[in-house]
């Protein structure tokens, strides 16, 4: 399941940063450092995750979504069942 979740996160990133080299994306390095995302890009990323995965992420939890690995760890247990 986490492999599919990771693919979905990368697909959302591709929508937000289409010029980014996502094949070289590291799981431990913050997206902002790798993809040159600004705060609006990051907000759009979180909103797109919410829309695609149906997971509401409170603003207080945004720092838990800074890397690919952190996103998977945070989102996996919150995915709707079924």
Protein backbone atom coordinates (compact mmCIF):
# COMPACT_ATOMS: atom_id res chain seq x y z
CA UNK A 1 0.00 0.00 0.00
CA UNK A 2 2.79 2.47 0.84
CA UNK A 3 4.24 2.03 -2.65
CA UNK A 4 0.95 3.20 -4.14
CA UNK A 5 0.77 6.05 -1.64
CA UNK A 6 4.30 7.11 -2.55
CA UNK A 7 3.38 7.07 -6.27
CA UNK A 8 0.34 9.23 -5.55
CA UNK A 9 2.40 11.75 -3.57
CA UNK A 10 4.94 11.96 -6.39
CA UNK A 11 2.13 12.39 -8.93
CA UNK A 12 0.73 15.29 -6.89
CA UNK A 13 4.20 16.83 -6.72
CA UNK A 14 4.43 16.50 -10.51
CA UNK A 15 1.26 18.59 -10.81
CA UNK A 16 2.65 21.27 -8.47
CA UNK A 17 6.21 21.30 -9.83
CA UNK A 18 6.06 19.94 -13.40
CA UNK A 19 9.63 21.04 -14.16
CA UNK A 20 11.08 19.09 -11.22
CA UNK A 21 13.19 15.95 -11.65
CA UNK A 22 11.05 13.65 -9.52
CA UNK A 23 13.03 10.56 -10.52
CA UNK A 24 15.85 11.85 -8.33
CA UNK A 25 13.57 12.64 -5.37
CA UNK A 26 15.05 11.61 -2.03
CA UNK A 27 12.75 10.38 0.71
CA UNK A 28 14.64 12.13 3.50
CA UNK A 29 15.36 15.58 2.02
CA UNK A 30 12.67 18.27 2.39
CA UNK A 31 10.66 18.96 -0.76
CA UNK A 32 11.50 22.66 -0.58
CA UNK A 33 15.21 21.86 -0.77
CA UNK A 34 14.80 19.47 -3.70
CA UNK A 35 12.01 21.04 -5.73
CA UNK A 36 12.34 24.75 -5.03
CA UNK A 37 8.78 24.92 -3.67
CA UNK A 38 7.64 28.17 -2.12
CA UNK A 39 4.98 28.41 0.59
CA UNK A 40 2.14 28.71 -1.94
CA UNK A 41 3.38 25.66 -3.84
CA UNK A 42 3.47 23.71 -0.58
CA UNK A 43 -0.06 24.83 0.30
CA UNK A 44 -1.27 23.71 -3.14
CA UNK A 45 0.52 20.39 -2.60
CA UNK A 46 -1.29 19.78 0.71
CA UNK A 47 -4.64 20.79 -0.82
CA UNK A 48 -4.07 18.45 -3.76
CA UNK A 49 -3.22 15.59 -1.39
CA UNK A 50 -6.44 16.25 0.49
CA UNK A 51 -8.45 16.21 -2.74
CA UNK A 52 -6.79 13.09 -4.15
CA UNK A 53 -6.54 11.03 -0.94
CA UNK A 54 -9.52 12.41 1.01
CA UNK A 55 -7.31 13.07 4.04
CA UNK A 56 -7.84 16.34 5.87
CA UNK A 57 -4.49 17.69 7.06
CA UNK A 58 -4.80 20.38 9.72
CA UNK A 59 -2.44 23.32 9.27
CA UNK A 60 -0.67 22.40 12.51
CA UNK A 61 0.40 19.12 10.86
CA UNK A 62 1.90 20.66 7.69
CA UNK A 63 5.44 20.32 9.11
CA UNK A 64 4.87 16.54 9.14
CA UNK A 65 4.68 16.57 5.32
CA UNK A 66 8.06 18.08 4.52
CA UNK A 67 9.67 14.96 2.99
CA UNK A 68 8.41 12.00 0.99
CA UNK A 69 9.10 9.61 3.87
CA UNK A 70 7.30 11.89 6.34
CA UNK A 71 4.31 12.17 4.01
CA UNK A 72 3.97 8.40 3.76
CA UNK A 73 4.35 7.97 7.52
CA UNK A 74 1.76 10.67 8.25
CA UNK A 75 -0.79 9.83 5.54
CA UNK A 76 -0.79 6.01 5.53
CA UNK A 77 -2.68 5.53 8.82
CA UNK A 78 -5.13 8.33 7.91
CA UNK A 79 -6.26 6.98 4.53
CA UNK A 80 -9.97 6.18 4.34
CA UNK A 81 -10.60 2.48 4.68
CA UNK A 82 -12.39 0.64 1.94
